[in-house]
Every structure is written in structure tokens, then in C-alpha cells.
Amino acid sequence: MRNTLATSLLTLFFGFPAPIILALVLNEARQGFFKRFVQTVSYLPHFISWVIAANIVITLLASDGMLNNILVLLGVVKEPVAFLQNGPLFWWIIALSNMWKEMGFSAIMYLAAIASINPELYEAARVDGASRFKQMWHITLPSMRPTIVILAILAVGGILNAGFEQQYLLQNNTVLEYSEVIDIYAYKYGLQNSMFSYGAAVGMFKSVVAFILVLIVNRISRKVNDQALF
């Protein structure tokens, strides 16, 4: 449970605001080629399976990988760092690799919310002398609030979904203490040990917790800003 909560909270902390920031940056981009290029590059990882994505991460973070070569070349470290064999770093690797994979695709929903904003609001703001930053702060972000709130509620509800494929493919024997999440636990006991009812119970537990969290966060959101999922 500790590993599940740690990786999920880190993923939520980094992964939730990242697509919002990306959507805002893309919205402010004035060069069409740059905007399309960034969108394409950021969307592609979502369509790559975790089997391929995990191998990319492992290759990048290997002792003789690109990241270590750059760090040694710049003099940041004297010897290569064993990133994937470092338990405390494993949670961060999970969170950041998940952010890299899903950030671009998640930004689509925020870009859709931005596209629905009335252009006359921006025109009125420009007439009043508002800078692009003030337009973003006072028009774009408030208009995105309903979408942000709904996705935040759903994200909190999935706090126990630490990602089986990602964790299973990136883990190794040296970091088992930090990589054993509830999904892997259910897989080992439910499938490998043929304890199917036990595995189903773990899945039911996750569903109940998710439902309760959604209800709680939804109620808090409705009281705080009158915006909620239902």
C-alpha cells in the first residue's frame, strides 16, 4: 500500500498539472509549425505500449545509457548512476515516465476546453490593454476550471491504480521493496498462486475505495467552487 500511494501521489503531483501547462503553452504558440511539431511529439508516447516505453526508459537510464553519459560528460557525476537499482529513485522514475507518456494525450482535453472559449472575451481584454499573461490568467484558466475539476476528481478516484504494466516491466530484484504495488500483489496472489477469489477481492477493494474517494472529492469540490462531477 505504501508503494501504491507513493507512486500514485507523485504521478498525480507531476502528471496532473503537466498537460494543463502544455495546453496553455500550445495555445499561446503563434507559429503553426512549432505547435504541430510539439503536439505530434508529445502525443506519440501515448500510443506506444508500455513494453516499448519501458525498454526506452531502461535504455535511457542504464549505466551506459544516454542520461548517464550526459551527466558524466558535464561533470555532474563522476561515475554512472544506477537509477533503476536505486529504490528511492524508483518512485520518481515511475511518476516522471508516466508523465512523459501521457502528458501530450491528456492535453487534448484541455485544448478542447480552450477552443470552446468565446474569442470575444480575448478581444475585449486586448482592447482593455490586458497582456497575454493576464488573458491567460483571467480568461483561459477560469474557463478551463470545469474540465480541470472533473479530471481532478477522476484522478483522485484512481489513486490506487499505480499501473501494473509500468511497474511490472520497470521493476527488478533490487527494488522490489519499492515496486510492489497493489496491482502486482493481486497478480501474484490471484493469478500466479491461483487464488482467484482473493485477487477479485483486491480488485473489489480498489473499486470501493475509488468510489468513496470520488464521492468525497466531488462533495468537497461542490462546496468550495460549486463545480463537480455530479
C-alpha atoms as a PDB file:
ATOM      1  CA  MET A   1       0.000   0.000   0.000  1.00  0.00           C
ATOM      2  CA  ARG A   2       2.889   2.370   0.769  1.00  0.00           C
ATOM      3  CA  ASN A   3       4.360   1.943  -2.691  1.00  0.00           C
ATOM      4  CA  THR A   4       0.965   2.286  -4.349  1.00  0.00           C
ATOM      5  CA  LEU A   5       0.171   5.553  -2.582  1.00  0.00           C
ATOM      6  CA  ALA A   6       3.681   6.955  -3.037  1.00  0.00           C
ATOM      7  CA  THR A   7       3.841   6.344  -6.777  1.00  0.00           C
ATOM      8  CA  SER A   8       0.221   7.409  -7.326  1.00  0.00           C
ATOM      9  CA  LEU A   9       0.634  10.655  -5.382  1.00  0.00           C
ATOM     10  CA  LEU A  10       3.869  11.507  -7.184  1.00  0.00           C
ATOM     11  CA  THR A  11       2.240  10.703 -10.518  1.00  0.00           C
ATOM     12  CA  LEU A  12      -0.731  12.883  -9.604  1.00  0.00           C
ATOM     13  CA  PHE A  13       1.524  15.722  -8.411  1.00  0.00           C
ATOM     14  CA  PHE A  14       3.596  15.808 -11.601  1.00  0.00           C
ATOM     15  CA  GLY A  15       1.258  14.254 -14.125  1.00  0.00           C
ATOM     16  CA  PHE A  16      -1.892  16.271 -13.461  1.00  0.00           C
ATOM     17  CA  PRO A  17      -0.615  19.857 -13.928  1.00  0.00           C
ATOM     18  CA  ALA A  18       1.768  18.924 -16.779  1.00  0.00           C
ATOM     19  CA  PRO A  19      -0.903  18.618 -19.533  1.00  0.00           C
ATOM     20  CA  ILE A  20      -2.556  21.828 -18.319  1.00  0.00           C
ATOM     21  CA  ILE A  21       0.741  23.698 -18.679  1.00  0.00           C
ATOM     22  CA  LEU A  22       1.378  22.073 -22.066  1.00  0.00           C
ATOM     23  CA  ALA A  23      -2.086  23.052 -23.304  1.00  0.00           C
ATOM     24  CA  LEU A  24      -1.553  26.657 -22.191  1.00  0.00           C
ATOM     25  CA  VAL A  25       1.846  26.796 -23.904  1.00  0.00           C
ATOM     26  CA  LEU A  26       0.459  25.338 -27.131  1.00  0.00           C
ATOM     27  CA  ASN A  27      -2.444  27.761 -27.027  1.00  0.00           C
ATOM     28  CA  GLU A  28      -0.038  30.692 -26.783  1.00  0.00           C
ATOM     29  CA  ALA A  29       2.193  29.401 -29.597  1.00  0.00           C
ATOM     30  CA  ARG A  30       1.879  31.576 -32.675  1.00  0.00           C
ATOM     31  CA  GLN A  31       3.992  29.532 -35.111  1.00  0.00           C
ATOM     32  CA  GLY A  32       1.845  26.814 -36.626  1.00  0.00           C
ATOM     33  CA  PHE A  33       4.759  24.507 -37.451  1.00  0.00           C
ATOM     34  CA  PHE A  34       6.133  24.659 -33.902  1.00  0.00           C
ATOM     35  CA  LYS A  35       2.696  23.982 -32.432  1.00  0.00           C
ATOM     36  CA  ARG A  36       2.032  20.998 -34.698  1.00  0.00           C
ATOM     37  CA  PHE A  37       5.526  19.600 -34.097  1.00  0.00           C
ATOM     38  CA  VAL A  38       5.218  19.782 -30.295  1.00  0.00           C
ATOM     39  CA  GLN A  39       1.727  18.289 -30.416  1.00  0.00           C
ATOM     40  CA  THR A  40       2.876  15.362 -32.554  1.00  0.00           C
ATOM     41  CA  VAL A  41       5.961  14.649 -30.439  1.00  0.00           C
ATOM     42  CA  SER A  42       4.011  14.858 -27.180  1.00  0.00           C
ATOM     43  CA  TYR A  43       1.072  12.744 -28.422  1.00  0.00           C
ATOM     44  CA  LEU A  44       3.121   9.842 -29.810  1.00  0.00           C
ATOM     45  CA  PRO A  45       4.241   8.255 -26.490  1.00  0.00           C
ATOM     46  CA  HIS A  46       0.600   7.626 -25.547  1.00  0.00           C
ATOM     47  CA  PHE A  47       0.220   5.229 -28.482  1.00  0.00           C
ATOM     48  CA  ILE A  48       3.358   3.278 -27.578  1.00  0.00           C
ATOM     49  CA  SER A  49       2.743   0.210 -25.436  1.00  0.00           C
ATOM     50  CA  TRP A  50       4.413   0.048 -22.043  1.00  0.00           C
ATOM     51  CA  VAL A  51       6.515  -2.861 -23.320  1.00  0.00           C
ATOM     52  CA  ILE A  52       8.256  -0.494 -25.734  1.00  0.00           C
ATOM     53  CA  ALA A  53       8.111   2.547 -23.441  1.00  0.00           C
ATOM     54  CA  ALA A  54       9.661   0.613 -20.550  1.00  0.00           C
ATOM     55  CA  ASN A  55      12.521  -0.525 -22.775  1.00  0.00           C
ATOM     56  CA  ILE A  56      13.107   3.086 -23.821  1.00  0.00           C
ATOM     57  CA  VAL A  57      13.242   4.165 -20.169  1.00  0.00           C
ATOM     58  CA  ILE A  58      15.538   1.271 -19.226  1.00  0.00           C
ATOM     59  CA  THR A  59      17.893   2.046 -22.120  1.00  0.00           C
ATOM     60  CA  LEU A  60      17.920   5.748 -21.283  1.00  0.00           C
ATOM     61  CA  LEU A  61      18.627   5.196 -17.575  1.00  0.00           C
ATOM     62  CA  ALA A  62      21.102   2.323 -17.923  1.00  0.00           C
ATOM     63  CA  SER A  63      24.626   2.710 -16.542  1.00  0.00           C
ATOM     64  CA  ASP A  64      25.876   3.188 -20.107  1.00  0.00           C
ATOM     65  CA  GLY A  65      22.713   4.980 -21.222  1.00  0.00           C
ATOM     66  CA  MET A  66      22.297   8.446 -22.663  1.00  0.00           C
ATOM     67  CA  LEU A  67      21.421  10.164 -19.381  1.00  0.00           C
ATOM     68  CA  ASN A  68      24.466   8.820 -17.551  1.00  0.00           C
ATOM     69  CA  ASN A  69      26.733   9.682 -20.482  1.00  0.00           C
ATOM     70  CA  ILE A  70      25.473  13.268 -20.446  1.00  0.00           C
ATOM     71  CA  LEU A  71      25.828  13.597 -16.670  1.00  0.00           C
ATOM     72  CA  VAL A  72      29.396  12.245 -16.744  1.00  0.00           C
ATOM     73  CA  LEU A  73      30.292  14.437 -19.721  1.00  0.00           C
ATOM     74  CA  LEU A  74      29.015  17.567 -17.947  1.00  0.00           C
ATOM     75  CA  GLY A  75      30.818  16.613 -14.751  1.00  0.00           C
ATOM     76  CA  VAL A  76      27.618  16.381 -12.720  1.00  0.00           C
ATOM     77  CA  VAL A  77      28.611  12.889 -11.544  1.00  0.00           C
ATOM     78  CA  LYS A  78      31.978  11.133 -11.587  1.00  0.00           C
ATOM     79  CA  GLU A  79      30.605   7.640 -12.104  1.00  0.00           C
ATOM     80  CA  PRO A  80      27.404   6.381 -13.768  1.00  0.00           C
ATOM     81  CA  VAL A  81      24.373   6.293 -11.500  1.00  0.00           C
ATOM     82  CA  ALA A  82      22.373   3.069 -11.203  1.00  0.00           C
ATOM     83  CA  PHE A  83      18.997   4.787 -11.446  1.00  0.00           C
ATOM     84  CA  LEU A  84      16.868   1.665 -11.806  1.00  0.00           C
ATOM     85  CA  GLN A  85      18.665  -0.099  -8.953  1.00  0.00           C
ATOM     86  CA  ASN A  86      18.080   2.783  -6.549  1.00  0.00           C
ATOM     87  CA  GLY A  87      14.916   2.115  -4.529  1.00  0.00           C
ATOM     88  CA  PRO A  88      14.010   5.701  -3.510  1.00  0.00           C
ATOM     89  CA  LEU A  89      14.532   6.875  -7.101  1.00  0.00           C
ATOM     90  CA  PHE A  90      12.217   4.201  -8.472  1.00  0.00           C
ATOM     91  CA  TRP A  91       9.070   6.064  -7.390  1.00  0.00           C
ATOM     92  CA  TRP A  92      10.279   9.193  -9.195  1.00  0.00           C
ATOM     93  CA  ILE A  93      11.126   7.213 -12.322  1.00  0.00           C
ATOM     94  CA  ILE A  94       7.601   5.772 -12.357  1.00  0.00           C
ATOM     95  CA  ALA A  95       5.991   9.197 -11.912  1.00  0.00           C
ATOM     96  CA  LEU A  96       8.116  11.007 -14.493  1.00  0.00           C
ATOM     97  CA  SER A  97       7.947   8.247 -17.113  1.00  0.00           C
ATOM     98  CA  ASN A  98       4.163   8.151 -16.758  1.00  0.00           C
ATOM     99  CA  MET A  99       4.048  11.936 -17.158  1.00  0.00           C
ATOM    100  CA  TRP A 100       6.159  11.713 -20.325  1.00  0.00           C
ATOM    101  CA  LYS A 101       3.906   9.037 -21.800  1.00  0.00           C
ATOM    102  CA  GLU A 102       0.504  10.573 -21.035  1.00  0.00           C
ATOM    103  CA  MET A 103       1.101  14.335 -20.892  1.00  0.00           C
ATOM    104  CA  GLY A 104       0.529  15.076 -24.562  1.00  0.00           C
ATOM    105  CA  PHE A 105      -2.605  12.996 -24.987  1.00  0.00           C
ATOM    106  CA  SER A 106      -4.125  14.353 -21.766  1.00  0.00           C
ATOM    107  CA  ALA A 107      -3.539  17.890 -23.037  1.00  0.00           C
ATOM    108  CA  ILE A 108      -6.072  17.277 -25.828  1.00  0.00           C
ATOM    109  CA  MET A 109      -8.983  17.626 -23.399  1.00  0.00           C
ATOM    110  CA  TYR A 110      -7.653  20.932 -22.105  1.00  0.00           C
ATOM    111  CA  LEU A 111      -7.032  22.197 -25.634  1.00  0.00           C
ATOM    112  CA  ALA A 112     -10.643  21.315 -26.446  1.00  0.00           C
ATOM    113  CA  ALA A 113     -11.776  23.315 -23.411  1.00  0.00           C
ATOM    114  CA  ILE A 114      -9.661  26.270 -24.558  1.00  0.00           C
ATOM    115  CA  ALA A 115     -11.073  26.038 -28.088  1.00  0.00           C
ATOM    116  CA  SER A 116     -14.603  26.442 -26.702  1.00  0.00           C
ATOM    117  CA  ILE A 117     -13.812  29.823 -25.098  1.00  0.00           C
ATOM    118  CA  ASN A 118     -15.590  32.761 -26.716  1.00  0.00           C
ATOM    119  CA  PRO A 119     -12.989  34.737 -28.772  1.00  0.00           C
ATOM    120  CA  GLU A 120     -14.819  37.967 -27.935  1.00  0.00           C
ATOM    121  CA  LEU A 121     -13.534  37.684 -24.366  1.00  0.00           C
ATOM    122  CA  TYR A 122      -9.952  37.906 -25.626  1.00  0.00           C
ATOM    123  CA  GLU A 123     -10.811  40.766 -27.964  1.00  0.00           C
ATOM    124  CA  ALA A 124     -12.364  42.736 -25.108  1.00  0.00           C
ATOM    125  CA  ALA A 125      -9.326  42.025 -22.926  1.00  0.00           C
ATOM    126  CA  ARG A 126      -6.943  43.242 -25.646  1.00  0.00           C
ATOM    127  CA  VAL A 127      -8.962  46.422 -26.043  1.00  0.00           C
ATOM    128  CA  ASP A 128      -8.595  46.991 -22.298  1.00  0.00           C
ATOM    129  CA  GLY A 129      -4.827  46.562 -22.632  1.00  0.00           C
ATOM    130  CA  ALA A 130      -4.518  43.158 -20.971  1.00  0.00           C
ATOM    131  CA  SER A 131      -1.258  41.335 -21.637  1.00  0.00           C
ATOM    132  CA  ARG A 132      -1.191  37.755 -22.927  1.00  0.00           C
ATOM    133  CA  PHE A 133      -0.344  36.517 -19.449  1.00  0.00           C
ATOM    134  CA  LYS A 134      -3.306  38.369 -17.924  1.00  0.00           C
ATOM    135  CA  GLN A 135      -5.584  36.998 -20.639  1.00  0.00           C
ATOM    136  CA  MET A 136      -4.401  33.504 -19.809  1.00  0.00           C
ATOM    137  CA  TRP A 137      -4.766  34.053 -16.054  1.00  0.00           C
ATOM    138  CA  HIS A 138      -8.157  35.784 -16.076  1.00  0.00           C
ATOM    139  CA  ILE A 139      -9.851  34.206 -19.116  1.00  0.00           C
ATOM    140  CA  THR A 140      -8.251  30.924 -20.182  1.00  0.00           C
ATOM    141  CA  LEU A 141      -7.686  29.300 -16.796  1.00  0.00           C
ATOM    142  CA  PRO A 142     -11.112  30.210 -15.311  1.00  0.00           C
ATOM    143  CA  SER A 143     -12.792  28.907 -18.466  1.00  0.00           C
ATOM    144  CA  MET A 144     -10.866  25.637 -18.118  1.00  0.00           C
ATOM    145  CA  ARG A 145     -11.909  25.203 -14.486  1.00  0.00           C
ATOM    146  CA  PRO A 146     -14.882  22.840 -15.082  1.00  0.00           C
ATOM    147  CA  THR A 147     -12.688  20.489 -17.128  1.00  0.00           C
ATOM    148  CA  ILE A 148      -9.860  20.679 -14.591  1.00  0.00           C
ATOM    149  CA  VAL A 149     -12.212  19.943 -11.686  1.00  0.00           C
ATOM    150  CA  ILE A 150     -13.817  16.923 -13.361  1.00  0.00           C
ATOM    151  CA  LEU A 151     -10.478  15.410 -14.360  1.00  0.00           C
ATOM    152  CA  ALA A 152      -9.069  16.108 -10.891  1.00  0.00           C
ATOM    153  CA  ILE A 153     -11.957  14.238  -9.267  1.00  0.00           C
ATOM    154  CA  LEU A 154     -11.431  11.261 -11.567  1.00  0.00           C
ATOM    155  CA  ALA A 155      -7.665  11.351 -10.963  1.00  0.00           C
ATOM    156  CA  VAL A 156      -8.127  11.224  -7.187  1.00  0.00           C
ATOM    157  CA  GLY A 157     -10.568   8.347  -7.621  1.00  0.00           C
ATOM    158  CA  GLY A 158      -7.873   6.373  -9.412  1.00  0.00           C
ATOM    159  CA  ILE A 159      -5.288   6.903  -6.691  1.00  0.00           C
ATOM    160  CA  LEU A 160      -4.884   3.144  -6.166  1.00  0.00           C
ATOM    161  CA  ASN A 161      -4.267   2.487  -9.865  1.00  0.00           C
ATOM    162  CA  ALA A 162      -0.489   2.624  -9.765  1.00  0.00           C
ATOM    163  CA  GLY A 163      -0.176   0.999 -13.191  1.00  0.00           C
ATOM    164  CA  PHE A 164       0.527  -2.718 -13.324  1.00  0.00           C
ATOM    165  CA  GLU A 165       2.287  -2.848 -16.702  1.00  0.00           C
ATOM    166  CA  GLN A 166       4.608   0.050 -15.977  1.00  0.00           C
ATOM    167  CA  GLN A 167       5.577  -1.169 -12.510  1.00  0.00           C
ATOM    168  CA  TYR A 168       5.984  -4.790 -13.576  1.00  0.00           C
ATOM    169  CA  LEU A 169       8.155  -4.003 -16.591  1.00  0.00           C
ATOM    170  CA  LEU A 170      10.420  -1.480 -14.858  1.00  0.00           C
ATOM    171  CA  GLN A 171      10.935  -3.338 -11.585  1.00  0.00           C
ATOM    172  CA  ASN A 172      13.919  -5.572 -10.814  1.00  0.00           C
ATOM    173  CA  ASN A 173      15.061  -7.663  -7.868  1.00  0.00           C
ATOM    174  CA  THR A 174      16.964  -4.788  -6.244  1.00  0.00           C
ATOM    175  CA  VAL A 175      13.926  -2.500  -5.953  1.00  0.00           C
ATOM    176  CA  LEU A 176      11.155  -4.967  -5.081  1.00  0.00           C
ATOM    177  CA  GLU A 177      10.702  -3.208  -1.732  1.00  0.00           C
ATOM    178  CA  TYR A 178       9.694  -0.056  -3.621  1.00  0.00           C
ATOM    179  CA  SER A 179       7.984  -1.512  -6.694  1.00  0.00           C
ATOM    180  CA  GLU A 180       5.480  -3.977  -5.235  1.00  0.00           C
ATOM    181  CA  VAL A 181       2.165  -2.163  -5.675  1.00  0.00           C
ATOM    182  CA  ILE A 182      -1.344  -3.458  -5.062  1.00  0.00           C
ATOM    183  CA  ASP A 183      -1.817  -4.451  -8.729  1.00  0.00           C
ATOM    184  CA  ILE A 184       1.294  -6.640  -8.708  1.00  0.00           C
ATOM    185  CA  TYR A 185       0.222  -8.046  -5.332  1.00  0.00           C
ATOM    186  CA  ALA A 186      -3.152  -9.039  -6.793  1.00  0.00           C
ATOM    187  CA  TYR A 187      -1.453 -10.555  -9.843  1.00  0.00           C
ATOM    188  CA  LYS A 188       0.962 -12.673  -7.815  1.00  0.00           C
ATOM    189  CA  TYR A 189      -1.575 -13.944  -5.311  1.00  0.00           C
ATOM    190  CA  GLY A 190      -4.618 -14.022  -7.564  1.00  0.00           C
ATOM    191  CA  LEU A 191      -3.160 -15.479 -10.766  1.00  0.00           C
ATOM    192  CA  GLN A 192       0.232 -16.993 -10.069  1.00  0.00           C
ATOM    193  CA  ASN A 193      -0.979 -18.707  -6.881  1.00  0.00           C
ATOM    194  CA  SER A 194      -4.422 -19.468  -8.360  1.00  0.00           C
ATOM    195  CA  MET A 195      -6.165 -17.565  -5.534  1.00  0.00           C
ATOM    196  CA  PHE A 196      -8.723 -16.103  -7.909  1.00  0.00           C
ATOM    197  CA  SER A 197     -11.268 -15.113  -5.270  1.00  0.00           C
ATOM    198  CA  TYR A 198      -8.542 -13.295  -3.332  1.00  0.00           C
ATOM    199  CA  GLY A 199      -7.468 -11.415  -6.442  1.00  0.00           C
ATOM    200  CA  ALA A 200     -11.090 -10.495  -7.148  1.00  0.00           C
ATOM    201  CA  ALA A 201     -11.454  -9.230  -3.573  1.00  0.00           C
ATOM    202  CA  VAL A 202      -8.428  -6.971  -4.028  1.00  0.00           C
ATOM    203  CA  GLY A 203      -9.965  -5.597  -7.210  1.00  0.00           C
ATOM    204  CA  MET A 204     -13.268  -5.016  -5.423  1.00  0.00           C
ATOM    205  CA  PHE A 205     -11.424  -3.222  -2.616  1.00  0.00           C
ATOM    206  CA  LYS A 206      -9.844  -0.871  -5.155  1.00  0.00           C
ATOM    207  CA  SER A 207     -13.225  -0.160  -6.740  1.00  0.00           C
ATOM    208  CA  VAL A 208     -14.871   0.606  -3.389  1.00  0.00           C
ATOM    209  CA  VAL A 209     -12.038   2.932  -2.353  1.00  0.00           C
ATOM    210  CA  ALA A 210     -12.178   4.689  -5.733  1.00  0.00           C
ATOM    211  CA  PHE A 211     -15.950   5.184  -5.445  1.00  0.00           C
ATOM    212  CA  ILE A 212     -15.658   6.587  -1.914  1.00  0.00           C
ATOM    213  CA  LEU A 213     -12.842   8.950  -2.920  1.00  0.00           C
ATOM    214  CA  VAL A 214     -14.819  10.225  -5.908  1.00  0.00           C
ATOM    215  CA  LEU A 215     -17.836  10.922  -3.680  1.00  0.00           C
ATOM    216  CA  ILE A 216     -15.729  12.742  -1.075  1.00  0.00           C
ATOM    217  CA  VAL A 217     -13.747  14.868  -3.528  1.00  0.00           C
ATOM    218  CA  ASN A 218     -16.871  15.597  -5.566  1.00  0.00           C
ATOM    219  CA  ARG A 219     -18.676  16.874  -2.469  1.00  0.00           C
ATOM    220  CA  ILE A 220     -15.701  18.997  -1.396  1.00  0.00           C
ATOM    221  CA  SER A 221     -15.421  20.458  -4.884  1.00  0.00           C
ATOM    222  CA  ARG A 222     -19.118  21.340  -4.972  1.00  0.00           C
ATOM    223  CA  LYS A 223     -18.858  23.157  -1.643  1.00  0.00           C
ATOM    224  CA  VAL A 224     -15.645  25.001  -2.499  1.00  0.00           C
ATOM    225  CA  ASN A 225     -16.300  26.261  -6.038  1.00  0.00           C
ATOM    226  CA  ASP A 226     -19.758  24.925  -6.964  1.00  0.00           C
ATOM    227  CA  GLN A 227     -18.234  22.738  -9.699  1.00  0.00           C
ATOM    228  CA  ALA A 228     -18.450  18.971  -9.511  1.00  0.00           C
ATOM    229  CA  LEU A 229     -18.775  15.773 -11.493  1.00  0.00           C
ATOM    230  CA  PHE A 230     -22.398  15.212 -10.400  1.00  0.00           C
END
